[in-house]
């Protein structure tokens, strides 16, 4: 189930985002989390089953929604969680936005349609 990020999930979200290659540095990661918390055009969602297993972050640009972060805990990769997150975002926002990916998530995003 896709849930909206809130401050109480900060450590979990930072841990998940740290798996993204461009988010390895702690200062960069802190800046990213602050952006999700303070910028209304940045939205972070978490994937929860029994535990929180993944994160997907998007940026709104006029009529486009750009997927800029997708991350799943290493022990749960290969189980379709990333695809479920992309599908959930598409189902929730497809009628309002053209959903696309950035250079960091494009390859995975395209594989979700196969």
PDB file of N, CA and C in Angstrom:
ATOM      1  N   UNK A   1       0.834  -1.174   0.000  1.00  0.00           N
ATOM      2  CA  UNK A   1       0.000   0.000   0.000  1.00  0.00           C
ATOM      3  C   UNK A   1       0.886   1.247   0.000  1.00  0.00           C
ATOM      4  N   UNK A   2       0.541   2.188  -0.835  1.00  0.00           N
ATOM      5  CA  UNK A   2       1.278   3.444  -0.954  1.00  0.00           C
ATOM      6  C   UNK A   2       0.779   4.419   0.112  1.00  0.00           C
ATOM      7  N   UNK A   3       1.702   4.956   0.914  1.00  0.00           N
ATOM      8  CA  UNK A   3       1.330   5.937   1.937  1.00  0.00           C
ATOM      9  C   UNK A   3       2.178   7.191   1.756  1.00  0.00           C
ATOM     10  N   UNK A   4       1.642   8.332   2.157  1.00  0.00           N
ATOM     11  CA  UNK A   4       2.384   9.583   2.046  1.00  0.00           C
ATOM     12  C   UNK A   4       3.448   9.651   3.134  1.00  0.00           C
ATOM     13  N   UNK A   5       4.584  10.216   2.777  1.00  0.00           N
ATOM     14  CA  UNK A   5       5.668  10.433   3.724  1.00  0.00           C
ATOM     15  C   UNK A   5       5.234  11.436   4.783  1.00  0.00           C
ATOM     16  N   UNK A   6       5.653  11.190   6.006  1.00  0.00           N
ATOM     17  CA  UNK A   6       5.526  12.178   7.065  1.00  0.00           C
ATOM     18  C   UNK A   6       6.796  12.140   7.908  1.00  0.00           C
ATOM     19  N   UNK A   7       7.016  13.187   8.666  1.00  0.00           N
ATOM     20  CA  UNK A   7       8.262  13.390   9.406  1.00  0.00           C
ATOM     21  C   UNK A   7       8.633  12.185  10.284  1.00  0.00           C
ATOM     22  N   UNK A   8       7.658  11.505  10.842  1.00  0.00           N
ATOM     23  CA  UNK A   8       7.952  10.355  11.711  1.00  0.00           C
ATOM     24  C   UNK A   8       8.614   9.203  10.955  1.00  0.00           C
ATOM     25  N   UNK A   9       8.547   9.227   9.616  1.00  0.00           N
ATOM     26  CA  UNK A   9       9.189   8.195   8.790  1.00  0.00           C
ATOM     27  C   UNK A   9      10.553   8.642   8.270  1.00  0.00           C
ATOM     28  N   UNK A  10      11.086   9.745   8.776  1.00  0.00           N
ATOM     29  CA  UNK A  10      12.294  10.339   8.215  1.00  0.00           C
ATOM     30  C   UNK A  10      13.470   9.363   8.145  1.00  0.00           C
ATOM     31  N   UNK A  11      13.776   8.661   9.219  1.00  0.00           N
ATOM     32  CA  UNK A  11      14.940   7.755   9.224  1.00  0.00           C
ATOM     33  C   UNK A  11      14.750   6.613   8.235  1.00  0.00           C
ATOM     34  N   UNK A  12      13.557   6.066   8.184  1.00  0.00           N
ATOM     35  CA  UNK A  12      13.273   4.976   7.243  1.00  0.00           C
ATOM     36  C   UNK A  12      13.414   5.484   5.809  1.00  0.00           C
ATOM     37  N   UNK A  13      12.838   6.642   5.535  1.00  0.00           N
ATOM     38  CA  UNK A  13      12.901   7.226   4.190  1.00  0.00           C
ATOM     39  C   UNK A  13      14.343   7.531   3.789  1.00  0.00           C
ATOM     40  N   UNK A  14      15.112   8.085   4.709  1.00  0.00           N
ATOM     41  CA  UNK A  14      16.519   8.379   4.402  1.00  0.00           C
ATOM     42  C   UNK A  14      17.278   7.089   4.111  1.00  0.00           C
ATOM     43  N   UNK A  15      17.010   6.051   4.871  1.00  0.00           N
ATOM     44  CA  UNK A  15      17.655   4.768   4.626  1.00  0.00           C
ATOM     45  C   UNK A  15      17.328   4.228   3.249  1.00  0.00           C
ATOM     46  N   UNK A  16      16.074   4.318   2.857  1.00  0.00           N
ATOM     47  CA  UNK A  16      15.653   3.837   1.538  1.00  0.00           C
ATOM     48  C   UNK A  16      16.257   4.682   0.421  1.00  0.00           C
ATOM     49  N   UNK A  17      16.200   6.001   0.570  1.00  0.00           N
ATOM     50  CA  UNK A  17      16.749   6.877  -0.470  1.00  0.00           C
ATOM     51  C   UNK A  17      18.262   6.733  -0.593  1.00  0.00           C
ATOM     52  N   UNK A  18      18.929   6.331   0.482  1.00  0.00           N
ATOM     53  CA  UNK A  18      20.392   6.191   0.434  1.00  0.00           C
ATOM     54  C   UNK A  18      20.837   5.079  -0.521  1.00  0.00           C
ATOM     55  N   UNK A  19      19.917   4.217  -0.924  1.00  0.00           N
ATOM     56  CA  UNK A  19      20.253   3.174  -1.905  1.00  0.00           C
ATOM     57  C   UNK A  19      20.341   3.729  -3.324  1.00  0.00           C
ATOM     58  N   UNK A  20      19.832   4.944  -3.532  1.00  0.00           N
ATOM     59  CA  UNK A  20      19.933   5.585  -4.851  1.00  0.00           C
ATOM     60  C   UNK A  20      21.369   6.078  -5.023  1.00  0.00           C
ATOM     61  N   UNK A  21      22.006   5.797  -6.146  1.00  0.00           N
ATOM     62  CA  UNK A  21      23.411   6.186  -6.339  1.00  0.00           C
ATOM     63  C   UNK A  21      23.706   7.657  -6.092  1.00  0.00           C
ATOM     64  N   UNK A  22      22.800   8.546  -6.493  1.00  0.00           N
ATOM     65  CA  UNK A  22      23.057   9.978  -6.333  1.00  0.00           C
ATOM     66  C   UNK A  22      22.770  10.471  -4.911  1.00  0.00           C
ATOM     67  N   UNK A  23      22.314   9.599  -4.029  1.00  0.00           N
ATOM     68  CA  UNK A  23      21.969   9.994  -2.659  1.00  0.00           C
ATOM     69  C   UNK A  23      22.899   9.352  -1.620  1.00  0.00           C
ATOM     70  N   UNK A  24      24.095   8.976  -2.011  1.00  0.00           N
ATOM     71  CA  UNK A  24      25.023   8.300  -1.100  1.00  0.00           C
ATOM     72  C   UNK A  24      25.574   9.219  -0.015  1.00  0.00           C
ATOM     73  N   UNK A  25      25.837  10.481  -0.340  1.00  0.00           N
ATOM     74  CA  UNK A  25      26.392  11.414   0.637  1.00  0.00           C
ATOM     75  C   UNK A  25      25.315  11.854   1.625  1.00  0.00           C
ATOM     76  N   UNK A  26      25.646  11.866   2.909  1.00  0.00           N
ATOM     77  CA  UNK A  26      24.684  12.208   3.955  1.00  0.00           C
ATOM     78  C   UNK A  26      24.132  13.618   3.764  1.00  0.00           C
ATOM     79  N   UNK A  27      24.983  14.573   3.449  1.00  0.00           N
ATOM     80  CA  UNK A  27      24.513  15.959   3.265  1.00  0.00           C
ATOM     81  C   UNK A  27      23.527  16.061   2.098  1.00  0.00           C
ATOM     82  N   UNK A  28      23.803  15.370   1.007  1.00  0.00           N
ATOM     83  CA  UNK A  28      22.907  15.367  -0.149  1.00  0.00           C
ATOM     84  C   UNK A  28      21.570  14.727   0.236  1.00  0.00           C
ATOM     85  N   UNK A  29      21.642  13.642   0.970  1.00  0.00           N
ATOM     86  CA  UNK A  29      20.448  12.927   1.417  1.00  0.00           C
ATOM     87  C   UNK A  29      19.597  13.815   2.339  1.00  0.00           C
ATOM     88  N   UNK A  30      20.226  14.512   3.246  1.00  0.00           N
ATOM     89  CA  UNK A  30      19.506  15.419   4.143  1.00  0.00           C
ATOM     90  C   UNK A  30      18.835  16.546   3.359  1.00  0.00           C
ATOM     91  N   UNK A  31      19.527  17.064   2.362  1.00  0.00           N
ATOM     92  CA  UNK A  31      18.961  18.109   1.513  1.00  0.00           C
ATOM     93  C   UNK A  31      17.740  17.586   0.756  1.00  0.00           C
ATOM     94  N   UNK A  32      17.836  16.379   0.254  1.00  0.00           N
ATOM     95  CA  UNK A  32      16.725  15.770  -0.485  1.00  0.00           C
ATOM     96  C   UNK A  32      15.507  15.595   0.413  1.00  0.00           C
ATOM     97  N   UNK A  33      15.715  15.067   1.608  1.00  0.00           N
ATOM     98  CA  UNK A  33      14.595  14.871   2.545  1.00  0.00           C
ATOM     99  C   UNK A  33      13.957  16.214   2.903  1.00  0.00           C
ATOM    100  N   UNK A  34      14.774  17.221   3.153  1.00  0.00           N
ATOM    101  CA  UNK A  34      14.245  18.560   3.469  1.00  0.00           C
ATOM    102  C   UNK A  34      13.409  19.099   2.305  1.00  0.00           C
ATOM    103  N   UNK A  35      13.862  18.833   1.082  1.00  0.00           N
ATOM    104  CA  UNK A  35      13.107  19.278  -0.102  1.00  0.00           C
ATOM    105  C   UNK A  35      11.738  18.600  -0.147  1.00  0.00           C
ATOM    106  N   UNK A  36      11.703  17.287   0.138  1.00  0.00           N
ATOM    107  CA  UNK A  36      10.422  16.581   0.159  1.00  0.00           C
ATOM    108  C   UNK A  36       9.507  17.122   1.263  1.00  0.00           C
ATOM    109  N   UNK A  37      10.090  17.535   2.374  1.00  0.00           N
ATOM    110  CA  UNK A  37       9.295  18.038   3.494  1.00  0.00           C
ATOM    111  C   UNK A  37       8.781  19.460   3.266  1.00  0.00           C
ATOM    112  N   UNK A  38       9.530  20.265   2.526  1.00  0.00           N
ATOM    113  CA  UNK A  38       9.192  21.687   2.437  1.00  0.00           C
ATOM    114  C   UNK A  38       8.661  22.159   1.082  1.00  0.00           C
ATOM    115  N   UNK A  39       8.928  21.428   0.027  1.00  0.00           N
ATOM    116  CA  UNK A  39       8.538  21.857  -1.312  1.00  0.00           C
ATOM    117  C   UNK A  39       7.238  21.143  -1.721  1.00  0.00           C
ATOM    118  N   UNK A  40       6.183  21.899  -1.938  1.00  0.00           N
ATOM    119  CA  UNK A  40       4.890  21.320  -2.281  1.00  0.00           C
ATOM    120  C   UNK A  40       4.887  20.587  -3.622  1.00  0.00           C
ATOM    121  N   UNK A  41       5.849  20.861  -4.477  1.00  0.00           N
ATOM    122  CA  UNK A  41       5.885  20.179  -5.772  1.00  0.00           C
ATOM    123  C   UNK A  41       6.701  18.882  -5.713  1.00  0.00           C
ATOM    124  N   UNK A  42       7.288  18.572  -4.566  1.00  0.00           N
ATOM    125  CA  UNK A  42       7.991  17.305  -4.361  1.00  0.00           C
ATOM    126  C   UNK A  42       7.142  16.446  -3.432  1.00  0.00           C
ATOM    127  N   UNK A  43       6.861  15.205  -3.852  1.00  0.00           N
ATOM    128  CA  UNK A  43       6.034  14.283  -3.064  1.00  0.00           C
ATOM    129  C   UNK A  43       6.797  12.973  -2.873  1.00  0.00           C
ATOM    130  N   UNK A  44       6.843  12.508  -1.637  1.00  0.00           N
ATOM    131  CA  UNK A  44       7.502  11.240  -1.322  1.00  0.00           C
ATOM    132  C   UNK A  44       6.451  10.291  -0.765  1.00  0.00           C
ATOM    133  N   UNK A  45       6.452   9.079  -1.299  1.00  0.00           N
ATOM    134  CA  UNK A  45       5.536   8.040  -0.850  1.00  0.00           C
ATOM    135  C   UNK A  45       6.342   6.830  -0.408  1.00  0.00           C
ATOM    136  N   UNK A  46       5.798   6.106   0.547  1.00  0.00           N
ATOM    137  CA  UNK A  46       6.440   4.888   1.041  1.00  0.00           C
ATOM    138  C   UNK A  46       5.525   3.715   0.735  1.00  0.00           C
ATOM    139  N   UNK A  47       6.135   2.541   0.524  1.00  0.00           N
ATOM    140  CA  UNK A  47       5.368   1.328   0.271  1.00  0.00           C
ATOM    141  C   UNK A  47       5.366   0.500   1.537  1.00  0.00           C
ATOM    142  N   UNK A  48       4.157   0.255   2.053  1.00  0.00           N
ATOM    143  CA  UNK A  48       4.034  -0.479   3.308  1.00  0.00           C
ATOM    144  C   UNK A  48       3.256  -1.758   3.088  1.00  0.00           C
ATOM    145  N   UNK A  49       3.842  -2.840   3.536  1.00  0.00           N
ATOM    146  CA  UNK A  49       3.116  -4.106   3.630  1.00  0.00           C
ATOM    147  C   UNK A  49       3.014  -4.342   5.138  1.00  0.00           C
ATOM    148  N   UNK A  50       3.748  -5.291   5.706  1.00  0.00           N
ATOM    149  CA  UNK A  50       3.810  -5.345   7.173  1.00  0.00           C
ATOM    150  C   UNK A  50       4.768  -4.269   7.671  1.00  0.00           C
ATOM    151  N   UNK A  51       5.847  -4.073   6.942  1.00  0.00           N
ATOM    152  CA  UNK A  51       6.834  -3.031   7.230  1.00  0.00           C
ATOM    153  C   UNK A  51       6.926  -2.110   6.019  1.00  0.00           C
ATOM    154  N   UNK A  52       7.656  -1.022   6.177  1.00  0.00           N
ATOM    155  CA  UNK A  52       7.913  -0.138   5.041  1.00  0.00           C
ATOM    156  C   UNK A  52       9.062  -0.741   4.243  1.00  0.00           C
ATOM    157  N   UNK A  53       8.801  -1.023   2.967  1.00  0.00           N
ATOM    158  CA  UNK A  53       9.759  -1.748   2.139  1.00  0.00           C
ATOM    159  C   UNK A  53      10.329  -0.934   0.989  1.00  0.00           C
ATOM    160  N   UNK A  54       9.708   0.204   0.671  1.00  0.00           N
ATOM    161  CA  UNK A  54      10.172   0.971  -0.474  1.00  0.00           C
ATOM    162  C   UNK A  54       9.764   2.426  -0.397  1.00  0.00           C
ATOM    163  N   UNK A  55      10.367   3.207  -1.290  1.00  0.00           N
ATOM    164  CA  UNK A  55      10.051   4.634  -1.387  1.00  0.00           C
ATOM    165  C   UNK A  55      10.034   5.030  -2.857  1.00  0.00           C
ATOM    166  N   UNK A  56       9.127   5.948  -3.188  1.00  0.00           N
ATOM    167  CA  UNK A  56       9.080   6.515  -4.532  1.00  0.00           C
ATOM    168  C   UNK A  56       8.846   8.021  -4.376  1.00  0.00           C
ATOM    169  N   UNK A  57       9.703   8.783  -5.006  1.00  0.00           N
ATOM    170  CA  UNK A  57       9.615  10.237  -4.921  1.00  0.00           C
ATOM    171  C   UNK A  57       9.344  10.849  -6.282  1.00  0.00           C
ATOM    172  N   UNK A  58       8.458  11.829  -6.304  1.00  0.00           N
ATOM    173  CA  UNK A  58       8.081  12.485  -7.558  1.00  0.00           C
ATOM    174  C   UNK A  58       8.196  13.999  -7.418  1.00  0.00           C
ATOM    175  N   UNK A  59       8.322  14.640  -8.569  1.00  0.00           N
ATOM    176  CA  UNK A  59       8.368  16.104  -8.640  1.00  0.00           C
ATOM    177  C   UNK A  59       7.309  16.544  -9.646  1.00  0.00           C
ATOM    178  N   UNK A  60       6.481  17.498  -9.251  1.00  0.00           N
ATOM    179  CA  UNK A  60       5.426  18.003 -10.131  1.00  0.00           C
ATOM    180  C   UNK A  60       5.950  19.174 -10.936  1.00  0.00           C
ATOM    181  N   UNK A  61       5.725  19.128 -12.241  1.00  0.00           N
ATOM    182  CA  UNK A  61       6.131  20.192 -13.164  1.00  0.00           C
ATOM    183  C   UNK A  61       4.964  20.471 -14.100  1.00  0.00           C
ATOM    184  N   UNK A  62       4.163  21.467 -13.775  1.00  0.00           N
ATOM    185  CA  UNK A  62       2.976  21.799 -14.560  1.00  0.00           C
ATOM    186  C   UNK A  62       2.091  20.565 -14.719  1.00  0.00           C
ATOM    187  N   UNK A  63       1.970  20.045 -15.938  1.00  0.00           N
ATOM    188  CA  UNK A  63       1.105  18.867 -16.141  1.00  0.00           C
ATOM    189  C   UNK A  63       1.890  17.553 -16.092  1.00  0.00           C
ATOM    190  N   UNK A  64       3.178  17.622 -15.753  1.00  0.00           N
ATOM    191  CA  UNK A  64       4.004  16.409 -15.676  1.00  0.00           C
ATOM    192  C   UNK A  64       4.302  16.041 -14.232  1.00  0.00           C
ATOM    193  N   UNK A  65       4.387  14.741 -13.976  1.00  0.00           N
ATOM    194  CA  UNK A  65       4.860  14.210 -12.710  1.00  0.00           C
ATOM    195  C   UNK A  65       6.092  13.368 -13.035  1.00  0.00           C
ATOM    196  N   UNK A  66       7.247  13.781 -12.516  1.00  0.00           N
ATOM    197  CA  UNK A  66       8.516  13.116 -12.827  1.00  0.00           C
ATOM    198  C   UNK A  66       8.924  12.233 -11.661  1.00  0.00           C
ATOM    199  N   UNK A  67       9.058  10.937 -11.916  1.00  0.00           N
ATOM    200  CA  UNK A  67       9.546  10.011 -10.888  1.00  0.00           C
ATOM    201  C   UNK A  67      11.055  10.201 -10.797  1.00  0.00           C
ATOM    202  N   UNK A  68      11.524  10.648  -9.628  1.00  0.00           N
ATOM    203  CA  UNK A  68      12.945  10.952  -9.474  1.00  0.00           C
ATOM    204  C   UNK A  68      13.662  10.010  -8.498  1.00  0.00           C
ATOM    205  N   UNK A  69      12.932   9.287  -7.683  1.00  0.00           N
ATOM    206  CA  UNK A  69      13.532   8.305  -6.779  1.00  0.00           C
ATOM    207  C   UNK A  69      12.653   7.055  -6.746  1.00  0.00           C
ATOM    208  N   UNK A  70      13.274   5.894  -6.825  1.00  0.00           N
ATOM    209  CA  UNK A  70      12.593   4.613  -6.601  1.00  0.00           C
ATOM    210  C   UNK A  70      13.592   3.748  -5.857  1.00  0.00           C
ATOM    211  N   UNK A  71      13.182   3.228  -4.711  1.00  0.00           N
ATOM    212  CA  UNK A  71      14.105   2.417  -3.925  1.00  0.00           C
ATOM    213  C   UNK A  71      13.336   1.365  -3.134  1.00  0.00           C
ATOM    214  N   UNK A  72      13.905   0.169  -3.063  1.00  0.00           N
ATOM    215  CA  UNK A  72      13.324  -0.946  -2.315  1.00  0.00           C
ATOM    216  C   UNK A  72      14.426  -1.524  -1.428  1.00  0.00           C
ATOM    217  N   UNK A  73      14.053  -1.954  -0.226  1.00  0.00           N
ATOM    218  CA  UNK A  73      15.049  -2.559   0.658  1.00  0.00           C
ATOM    219  C   UNK A  73      15.705  -3.741  -0.071  1.00  0.00           C
ATOM    220  N   UNK A  74      17.016  -3.892   0.078  1.00  0.00           N
ATOM    221  CA  UNK A  74      17.721  -4.960  -0.647  1.00  0.00           C
ATOM    222  C   UNK A  74      17.133  -6.354  -0.419  1.00  0.00           C
ATOM    223  N   UNK A  75      16.683  -6.649   0.777  1.00  0.00           N
ATOM    224  CA  UNK A  75      16.156  -7.988   1.063  1.00  0.00           C
ATOM    225  C   UNK A  75      14.797  -8.255   0.417  1.00  0.00           C
ATOM    226  N   UNK A  76      14.160  -7.230  -0.155  1.00  0.00           N
ATOM    227  CA  UNK A  76      12.865  -7.400  -0.793  1.00  0.00           C
ATOM    228  C   UNK A  76      12.889  -7.089  -2.293  1.00  0.00           C
ATOM    229  N   UNK A  77      14.069  -6.922  -2.836  1.00  0.00           N
ATOM    230  CA  UNK A  77      14.173  -6.640  -4.278  1.00  0.00           C
ATOM    231  C   UNK A  77      13.842  -7.888  -5.085  1.00  0.00           C
ATOM    232  N   UNK A  78      13.388  -7.666  -6.303  1.00  0.00           N
ATOM    233  CA  UNK A  78      13.041  -8.785  -7.174  1.00  0.00           C
ATOM    234  C   UNK A  78      11.666  -9.367  -6.891  1.00  0.00           C
ATOM    235  N   UNK A  79      10.901  -8.722  -6.027  1.00  0.00           N
ATOM    236  CA  UNK A  79       9.567  -9.215  -5.668  1.00  0.00           C
ATOM    237  C   UNK A  79       8.448  -8.361  -6.265  1.00  0.00           C
ATOM    238  N   UNK A  80       8.809  -7.414  -7.115  1.00  0.00           N
ATOM    239  CA  UNK A  80       7.805  -6.599  -7.783  1.00  0.00           C
ATOM    240  C   UNK A  80       7.338  -5.380  -7.005  1.00  0.00           C
ATOM    241  N   UNK A  81       7.998  -5.057  -5.899  1.00  0.00           N
ATOM    242  CA  UNK A  81       7.577  -3.911  -5.084  1.00  0.00           C
ATOM    243  C   UNK A  81       7.779  -2.599  -5.831  1.00  0.00           C
ATOM    244  N   UNK A  82       8.902  -2.448  -6.504  1.00  0.00           N
ATOM    245  CA  UNK A  82       9.147  -1.234  -7.285  1.00  0.00           C
ATOM    246  C   UNK A  82       8.078  -1.039  -8.343  1.00  0.00           C
ATOM    247  N   UNK A  83       7.727  -2.105  -9.044  1.00  0.00           N
ATOM    248  CA  UNK A  83       6.678  -2.028 -10.065  1.00  0.00           C
ATOM    249  C   UNK A  83       5.327  -1.685  -9.434  1.00  0.00           C
ATOM    250  N   UNK A  84       5.052  -2.244  -8.253  1.00  0.00           N
ATOM    251  CA  UNK A  84       3.791  -1.936  -7.564  1.00  0.00           C
ATOM    252  C   UNK A  84       3.735  -0.450  -7.195  1.00  0.00           C
ATOM    253  N   UNK A  85       4.865   0.110  -6.767  1.00  0.00           N
ATOM    254  CA  UNK A  85       4.893   1.532  -6.411  1.00  0.00           C
ATOM    255  C   UNK A  85       4.629   2.396  -7.637  1.00  0.00           C
ATOM    256  N   UNK A  86       5.289   2.080  -8.757  1.00  0.00           N
ATOM    257  CA  UNK A  86       5.077   2.841  -9.995  1.00  0.00           C
ATOM    258  C   UNK A  86       3.628   2.722 -10.424  1.00  0.00           C
ATOM    259  N   UNK A  87       3.072   1.530 -10.366  1.00  0.00           N
ATOM    260  CA  UNK A  87       1.677   1.318 -10.765  1.00  0.00           C
ATOM    261  C   UNK A  87       0.722   2.093  -9.864  1.00  0.00           C
ATOM    262  N   UNK A  88       0.982   2.093  -8.559  1.00  0.00           N
ATOM    263  CA  UNK A  88       0.117   2.809  -7.614  1.00  0.00           C
ATOM    264  C   UNK A  88       0.136   4.313  -7.878  1.00  0.00           C
ATOM    265  N   UNK A  89       1.318   4.860  -8.174  1.00  0.00           N
ATOM    266  CA  UNK A  89       1.419   6.286  -8.501  1.00  0.00           C
ATOM    267  C   UNK A  89       0.651   6.576  -9.791  1.00  0.00           C
ATOM    268  N   UNK A  90       0.814   5.697 -10.786  1.00  0.00           N
ATOM    269  CA  UNK A  90       0.100   5.888 -12.053  1.00  0.00           C
ATOM    270  C   UNK A  90      -1.409   5.843 -11.838  1.00  0.00           C
ATOM    271  N   UNK A  91      -1.882   4.885 -11.051  1.00  0.00           N
ATOM    272  CA  UNK A  91      -3.322   4.762 -10.805  1.00  0.00           C
ATOM    273  C   UNK A  91      -3.870   5.991 -10.087  1.00  0.00           C
ATOM    274  N   UNK A  92      -3.095   6.517  -9.156  1.00  0.00           N
ATOM    275  CA  UNK A  92      -3.558   7.645  -8.349  1.00  0.00           C
ATOM    276  C   UNK A  92      -3.503   8.974  -9.107  1.00  0.00           C
ATOM    277  N   UNK A  93      -2.501   9.138  -9.985  1.00  0.00           N
ATOM    278  CA  UNK A  93      -2.259  10.456 -10.584  1.00  0.00           C
ATOM    279  C   UNK A  93      -2.343  10.510 -12.106  1.00  0.00           C
ATOM    280  N   UNK A  94      -2.555   9.388 -12.767  1.00  0.00           N
ATOM    281  CA  UNK A  94      -2.538   9.340 -14.227  1.00  0.00           C
ATOM    282  C   UNK A  94      -3.580  10.257 -14.866  1.00  0.00           C
ATOM    283  N   UNK A  95      -4.695  10.474 -14.210  1.00  0.00           N
ATOM    284  CA  UNK A  95      -5.726  11.325 -14.794  1.00  0.00           C
ATOM    285  C   UNK A  95      -5.377  12.811 -14.677  1.00  0.00           C
ATOM    286  N   UNK A  96      -4.445  13.157 -13.773  1.00  0.00           N
ATOM    287  CA  UNK A  96      -4.076  14.554 -13.550  1.00  0.00           C
ATOM    288  C   UNK A  96      -2.768  14.951 -14.211  1.00  0.00           C
ATOM    289  N   UNK A  97      -1.853  13.995 -14.362  1.00  0.00           N
ATOM    290  CA  UNK A  97      -0.496  14.300 -14.828  1.00  0.00           C
ATOM    291  C   UNK A  97      -0.027  13.310 -15.888  1.00  0.00           C
ATOM    292  N   UNK A  98       0.904  13.770 -16.706  1.00  0.00           N
ATOM    293  CA  UNK A  98       1.655  12.872 -17.580  1.00  0.00           C
ATOM    294  C   UNK A  98       2.801  12.372 -16.717  1.00  0.00           C
ATOM    295  N   UNK A  99       2.839  11.083 -16.471  1.00  0.00           N
ATOM    296  CA  UNK A  99       3.839  10.536 -15.558  1.00  0.00           C
ATOM    297  C   UNK A  99       5.037  10.049 -16.365  1.00  0.00           C
ATOM    298  N   UNK A 100       6.208  10.534 -15.965  1.00  0.00           N
ATOM    299  CA  UNK A 100       7.447  10.230 -16.665  1.00  0.00           C
ATOM    300  C   UNK A 100       8.553  10.004 -15.631  1.00  0.00           C
ATOM    301  N   UNK A 101       9.761   9.772 -16.101  1.00  0.00           N
ATOM    302  CA  UNK A 101      10.893   9.508 -15.199  1.00  0.00           C
ATOM    303  C   UNK A 101      12.044  10.449 -15.531  1.00  0.00           C
ATOM    304  N   UNK A 102      12.980  10.570 -14.599  1.00  0.00           N
ATOM    305  CA  UNK A 102      14.195  11.336 -14.887  1.00  0.00           C
ATOM    306  C   UNK A 102      15.293  10.367 -15.328  1.00  0.00           C
ATOM    307  N   UNK A 103      16.495  10.887 -15.559  1.00  0.00           N
ATOM    308  CA  UNK A 103      17.586  10.042 -16.059  1.00  0.00           C
ATOM    309  C   UNK A 103      17.986   8.940 -15.072  1.00  0.00           C
ATOM    310  N   UNK A 104      17.738   9.147 -13.784  1.00  0.00           N
ATOM    311  CA  UNK A 104      18.120   8.144 -12.783  1.00  0.00           C
ATOM    312  C   UNK A 104      17.109   7.011 -12.653  1.00  0.00           C
ATOM    313  N   UNK A 105      15.861   7.264 -13.023  1.00  0.00           N
ATOM    314  CA  UNK A 105      14.821   6.247 -12.852  1.00  0.00           C
ATOM    315  C   UNK A 105      14.236   5.745 -14.171  1.00  0.00           C
ATOM    316  N   UNK A 106      14.654   6.341 -15.282  1.00  0.00           N
ATOM    317  CA  UNK A 106      14.078   6.040 -16.599  1.00  0.00           C
ATOM    318  C   UNK A 106      14.131   4.545 -16.939  1.00  0.00           C
ATOM    319  N   UNK A 107      15.257   3.942 -16.749  1.00  0.00           N
ATOM    320  CA  UNK A 107      15.433   2.530 -17.136  1.00  0.00           C
ATOM    321  C   UNK A 107      14.462   1.623 -16.370  1.00  0.00           C
ATOM    322  N   UNK A 108      14.401   1.824 -15.059  1.00  0.00           N
ATOM    323  CA  UNK A 108      13.483   1.016 -14.263  1.00  0.00           C
ATOM    324  C   UNK A 108      12.038   1.334 -14.620  1.00  0.00           C
ATOM    325  N   UNK A 109      11.733   2.614 -14.747  1.00  0.00           N
ATOM    326  CA  UNK A 109      10.379   3.060 -15.065  1.00  0.00           C
ATOM    327  C   UNK A 109       9.892   2.406 -16.357  1.00  0.00           C
ATOM    328  N   UNK A 110      10.737   2.378 -17.386  1.00  0.00           N
ATOM    329  CA  UNK A 110      10.371   1.758 -18.664  1.00  0.00           C
ATOM    330  C   UNK A 110      10.135   0.252 -18.506  1.00  0.00           C
ATOM    331  N   UNK A 111      10.919  -0.397 -17.639  1.00  0.00           N
ATOM    332  CA  UNK A 111      10.756  -1.849 -17.448  1.00  0.00           C
ATOM    333  C   UNK A 111       9.435  -2.203 -16.761  1.00  0.00           C
ATOM    334  N   UNK A 112       8.819  -1.250 -16.102  1.00  0.00           N
ATOM    335  CA  UNK A 112       7.538  -1.502 -15.418  1.00  0.00           C
ATOM    336  C   UNK A 112       6.391  -1.699 -16.396  1.00  0.00           C
ATOM    337  N   UNK A 113       6.552  -1.245 -17.635  1.00  0.00           N
ATOM    338  CA  UNK A 113       5.500  -1.401 -18.645  1.00  0.00           C
ATOM    339  C   UNK A 113       5.608  -2.710 -19.414  1.00  0.00           C
ATOM    340  N   UNK A 114       6.599  -3.506 -19.099  1.00  0.00           N
ATOM    341  CA  UNK A 114       6.787  -4.779 -19.836  1.00  0.00           C
ATOM    342  C   UNK A 114       6.057  -5.909 -19.166  1.00  0.00           C
TER     343      UNK A 114
END
